[in-house]
Amino acid sequence: MESRTKLLGHPIHPMLIVLPLGLLAMAVIFDVIYLVGGDETFATVAFWDITAGVIGGLAAALFGLIDWLAIPKDTRARRIGLIHGTGNFVIVLLFLASWLLRLPDHSYAPNLLPFVLGLIGVGMALGTAWLGGELVYRLRVGVDDGANLDAPSSLTTTASASTSSRRPGAGATR
């Protein structure tokens, strides 16, 4: 099942998830450095990582929702996609709450709640990322219908001479 939203032949949702995921994970790492070392610069960097991560996460969610709406109802993929998307939305809400708690003072210690919310969010992201992998690699959601090992570049519109999904050596005789 192909993605409904593409840019230069590739689905937009997986392109967008990398940045917010990295930013939110780095925010937690910078929080650890801040809490251990006491340098408030790391708390400020974590704050801005969360700011950009939440905005990027919402953008990725929009394209993920568009793709999810195209998944046929009453399928395992639809159910897993719902859990994946809902979980990611909760992660964004956790980081948003962490961000709001930091607004008055980016150096939030001794209140550890902003850090704990981020830590929970990153832990949840491991699970929702696995679900995203299940959708793509197991259930083939978002995979181009013509995908195969000899498929032409996604930047071309020319069909490959061989559009079968064969693997190298498949069908070869010994």
Foldseek 3Di string as FASTA:
>chain_A
DAQPDDDLLAQVLVVLQPQLLVLLVQLLVLVVCCVVVVPLVSLVSSLVSLVVSLVSLVVSLVSLVSLLVPDDPPDPLNVLSVVLSVLSVQLSVLSVVLNVCCVVPSSNPPPCSSSVSSVVSNVSVVVSVVSVCCNCVVVNRNPDPQDAPQADRSNDPDGDPDSDRDDVPVPDDD
